[in-house]
């Protein structure tokens, strides 16, 4: 298995070194340049994991609206993007509340249908 960790919003993100072991940053589509950068990082992370032959690629994003029992649009957009790039399971944490489990089928940028599982893990 390959585990990919991400966080939405981090203190002083722009000042973080470019060390490959730092957690990936998820940006909102409203922040165009930052969103494109976060998508690029996601693609690179999945491409780095694939040659190692993992049985599954699992994303562990820290995102979502606290104390909400429904995923917010940012979380849904991010989970769909992760699955489109080849992540099989998205285990979300941050909401402090149970949210519905989702089985998603999305189309990747190369036209392939990819299926994935999204689970919110109340922390």
C-alpha atoms as a PDB file:
ATOM      1  CA  UNK A   1       0.000   0.000   0.000  1.00  0.00           C
ATOM      2  CA  UNK A   2       1.052   3.561  -0.619  1.00  0.00           C
ATOM      3  CA  UNK A   3      -0.129   6.321   1.711  1.00  0.00           C
ATOM      4  CA  UNK A   4      -0.314   9.943   0.570  1.00  0.00           C
ATOM      5  CA  UNK A   5      -0.905  12.659   3.194  1.00  0.00           C
ATOM      6  CA  UNK A   6      -2.462  16.049   2.496  1.00  0.00           C
ATOM      7  CA  UNK A   7      -3.734  19.004   4.471  1.00  0.00           C
ATOM      8  CA  UNK A   8      -6.026  21.882   3.547  1.00  0.00           C
ATOM      9  CA  UNK A   9      -4.478  25.086   4.816  1.00  0.00           C
ATOM     10  CA  UNK A  10      -1.221  25.140   6.699  1.00  0.00           C
ATOM     11  CA  UNK A  11       0.441  27.915   8.582  1.00  0.00           C
ATOM     12  CA  UNK A  12       3.078  29.602   6.418  1.00  0.00           C
ATOM     13  CA  UNK A  13       2.572  27.242   3.446  1.00  0.00           C
ATOM     14  CA  UNK A  14       4.451  29.536   1.102  1.00  0.00           C
ATOM     15  CA  UNK A  15       7.471  29.508   3.435  1.00  0.00           C
ATOM     16  CA  UNK A  16       7.701  25.717   3.578  1.00  0.00           C
ATOM     17  CA  UNK A  17      10.823  24.181   2.095  1.00  0.00           C
ATOM     18  CA  UNK A  18      10.478  22.107  -1.051  1.00  0.00           C
ATOM     19  CA  UNK A  19      11.474  18.958   0.858  1.00  0.00           C
ATOM     20  CA  UNK A  20       9.643  15.979  -0.720  1.00  0.00           C
ATOM     21  CA  UNK A  21       8.787  14.624   2.749  1.00  0.00           C
ATOM     22  CA  UNK A  22       6.598  17.564   3.725  1.00  0.00           C
ATOM     23  CA  UNK A  23       2.867  16.928   3.655  1.00  0.00           C
ATOM     24  CA  UNK A  24       1.072  17.937   0.450  1.00  0.00           C
ATOM     25  CA  UNK A  25      -1.129  21.016   0.514  1.00  0.00           C
ATOM     26  CA  UNK A  26      -4.675  20.954  -0.859  1.00  0.00           C
ATOM     27  CA  UNK A  27      -5.832  24.270  -2.273  1.00  0.00           C
ATOM     28  CA  UNK A  28      -9.283  25.443  -3.194  1.00  0.00           C
ATOM     29  CA  UNK A  29     -10.193  25.782  -6.886  1.00  0.00           C
ATOM     30  CA  UNK A  30     -10.977  29.411  -5.978  1.00  0.00           C
ATOM     31  CA  UNK A  31      -7.216  29.928  -5.550  1.00  0.00           C
ATOM     32  CA  UNK A  32      -6.297  29.113  -9.149  1.00  0.00           C
ATOM     33  CA  UNK A  33      -2.482  29.083  -8.968  1.00  0.00           C
ATOM     34  CA  UNK A  34      -2.361  27.263  -5.625  1.00  0.00           C
ATOM     35  CA  UNK A  35      -5.011  24.762  -6.809  1.00  0.00           C
ATOM     36  CA  UNK A  36      -3.008  23.971  -9.949  1.00  0.00           C
ATOM     37  CA  UNK A  37       0.103  23.478  -7.796  1.00  0.00           C
ATOM     38  CA  UNK A  38      -1.732  21.134  -5.424  1.00  0.00           C
ATOM     39  CA  UNK A  39      -3.060  19.128  -8.398  1.00  0.00           C
ATOM     40  CA  UNK A  40       0.472  18.885  -9.798  1.00  0.00           C
ATOM     41  CA  UNK A  41       1.718  17.581  -6.426  1.00  0.00           C
ATOM     42  CA  UNK A  42      -1.074  14.986  -6.351  1.00  0.00           C
ATOM     43  CA  UNK A  43      -0.187  13.731  -9.840  1.00  0.00           C
ATOM     44  CA  UNK A  44       3.513  13.541  -8.916  1.00  0.00           C
ATOM     45  CA  UNK A  45       2.754  11.677  -5.679  1.00  0.00           C
ATOM     46  CA  UNK A  46       0.643   9.054  -7.470  1.00  0.00           C
ATOM     47  CA  UNK A  47       3.244   8.700 -10.244  1.00  0.00           C
ATOM     48  CA  UNK A  48       5.950   8.236  -7.586  1.00  0.00           C
ATOM     49  CA  UNK A  49       3.926   5.528  -5.821  1.00  0.00           C
ATOM     50  CA  UNK A  50       2.919   3.479  -8.893  1.00  0.00           C
ATOM     51  CA  UNK A  51       6.361   2.056  -9.832  1.00  0.00           C
ATOM     52  CA  UNK A  52       6.600   0.490  -6.355  1.00  0.00           C
ATOM     53  CA  UNK A  53       3.612  -1.714  -7.216  1.00  0.00           C
ATOM     54  CA  UNK A  54       1.312  -0.952  -4.281  1.00  0.00           C
ATOM     55  CA  UNK A  55      -1.838  -3.041  -4.002  1.00  0.00           C
ATOM     56  CA  UNK A  56      -3.649   0.198  -3.291  1.00  0.00           C
ATOM     57  CA  UNK A  57      -2.950   3.935  -3.132  1.00  0.00           C
ATOM     58  CA  UNK A  58      -4.603   5.530  -0.115  1.00  0.00           C
ATOM     59  CA  UNK A  59      -4.915   9.277   0.490  1.00  0.00           C
ATOM     60  CA  UNK A  60      -5.154  10.644   4.021  1.00  0.00           C
ATOM     61  CA  UNK A  61      -6.367  14.231   3.600  1.00  0.00           C
ATOM     62  CA  UNK A  62      -6.986  16.499   6.584  1.00  0.00           C
ATOM     63  CA  UNK A  63      -9.895  18.551   5.226  1.00  0.00           C
ATOM     64  CA  UNK A  64     -13.579  19.276   5.650  1.00  0.00           C
ATOM     65  CA  UNK A  65     -15.862  21.431   7.747  1.00  0.00           C
ATOM     66  CA  UNK A  66     -15.708  20.719  11.460  1.00  0.00           C
ATOM     67  CA  UNK A  67     -18.824  19.296  13.138  1.00  0.00           C
ATOM     68  CA  UNK A  68     -20.632  18.854   9.813  1.00  0.00           C
ATOM     69  CA  UNK A  69     -22.355  15.574   9.002  1.00  0.00           C
ATOM     70  CA  UNK A  70     -22.090  16.223   5.241  1.00  0.00           C
ATOM     71  CA  UNK A  71     -18.907  16.670   3.182  1.00  0.00           C
ATOM     72  CA  UNK A  72     -18.329  20.209   1.936  1.00  0.00           C
ATOM     73  CA  UNK A  73     -17.791  21.032  -1.744  1.00  0.00           C
ATOM     74  CA  UNK A  74     -14.027  21.419  -1.268  1.00  0.00           C
ATOM     75  CA  UNK A  75     -13.767  17.907   0.201  1.00  0.00           C
ATOM     76  CA  UNK A  76     -15.909  16.433  -2.566  1.00  0.00           C
ATOM     77  CA  UNK A  77     -13.857  18.167  -5.277  1.00  0.00           C
ATOM     78  CA  UNK A  78     -10.588  17.038  -3.689  1.00  0.00           C
ATOM     79  CA  UNK A  79     -11.736  13.422  -3.225  1.00  0.00           C
ATOM     80  CA  UNK A  80     -12.894  13.237  -6.854  1.00  0.00           C
ATOM     81  CA  UNK A  81      -9.541  14.645  -8.045  1.00  0.00           C
ATOM     82  CA  UNK A  82      -7.649  12.073  -5.972  1.00  0.00           C
ATOM     83  CA  UNK A  83      -9.694   9.186  -7.361  1.00  0.00           C
ATOM     84  CA  UNK A  84      -9.344  10.516 -10.917  1.00  0.00           C
ATOM     85  CA  UNK A  85      -5.556  10.379 -10.519  1.00  0.00           C
ATOM     86  CA  UNK A  86      -5.573   6.784  -9.258  1.00  0.00           C
ATOM     87  CA  UNK A  87      -6.134   6.930  -5.504  1.00  0.00           C
ATOM     88  CA  UNK A  88      -8.389   4.000  -4.539  1.00  0.00           C
ATOM     89  CA  UNK A  89      -9.319   5.004  -0.987  1.00  0.00           C
ATOM     90  CA  UNK A  90      -9.668   8.501   0.461  1.00  0.00           C
ATOM     91  CA  UNK A  91      -9.742   8.449   4.269  1.00  0.00           C
ATOM     92  CA  UNK A  92     -10.737  11.984   5.274  1.00  0.00           C
ATOM     93  CA  UNK A  93     -10.206  13.313   8.776  1.00  0.00           C
ATOM     94  CA  UNK A  94     -11.017  16.677  10.361  1.00  0.00           C
ATOM     95  CA  UNK A  95     -14.797  16.946  10.601  1.00  0.00           C
ATOM     96  CA  UNK A  96     -15.158  15.590  14.163  1.00  0.00           C
ATOM     97  CA  UNK A  97     -18.486  14.170  12.937  1.00  0.00           C
ATOM     98  CA  UNK A  98     -19.630  11.077  11.072  1.00  0.00           C
ATOM     99  CA  UNK A  99     -20.288  11.644   7.383  1.00  0.00           C
ATOM    100  CA  UNK A 100     -21.702   9.338   4.695  1.00  0.00           C
ATOM    101  CA  UNK A 101     -19.406   6.764   3.120  1.00  0.00           C
ATOM    102  CA  UNK A 102     -19.194   7.236  -0.641  1.00  0.00           C
ATOM    103  CA  UNK A 103     -18.319   4.989  -3.551  1.00  0.00           C
ATOM    104  CA  UNK A 104     -17.389   7.247  -6.463  1.00  0.00           C
ATOM    105  CA  UNK A 105     -16.831   6.585 -10.142  1.00  0.00           C
ATOM    106  CA  UNK A 106     -15.040   9.438 -11.890  1.00  0.00           C
ATOM    107  CA  UNK A 107     -13.475  10.047 -15.283  1.00  0.00           C
ATOM    108  CA  UNK A 108      -9.769  10.870 -15.295  1.00  0.00           C
ATOM    109  CA  UNK A 109      -8.159  13.436 -17.574  1.00  0.00           C
ATOM    110  CA  UNK A 110      -7.150  10.602 -19.940  1.00  0.00           C
ATOM    111  CA  UNK A 111     -10.776   9.443 -20.224  1.00  0.00           C
ATOM    112  CA  UNK A 112     -10.499   6.356 -17.996  1.00  0.00           C
ATOM    113  CA  UNK A 113     -13.228   5.555 -15.465  1.00  0.00           C
ATOM    114  CA  UNK A 114     -11.812   5.115 -11.989  1.00  0.00           C
ATOM    115  CA  UNK A 115     -13.651   3.910  -8.924  1.00  0.00           C
ATOM    116  CA  UNK A 116     -12.842   4.914  -5.383  1.00  0.00           C
ATOM    117  CA  UNK A 117     -14.032   4.790  -1.816  1.00  0.00           C
ATOM    118  CA  UNK A 118     -14.331   7.842   0.455  1.00  0.00           C
ATOM    119  CA  UNK A 119     -14.626   7.458   4.222  1.00  0.00           C
ATOM    120  CA  UNK A 120     -14.720  10.283   6.737  1.00  0.00           C
ATOM    121  CA  UNK A 121     -12.902   9.262   9.904  1.00  0.00           C
ATOM    122  CA  UNK A 122     -14.074  11.523  12.751  1.00  0.00           C
ATOM    123  CA  UNK A 123     -11.006  12.529  14.737  1.00  0.00           C
END
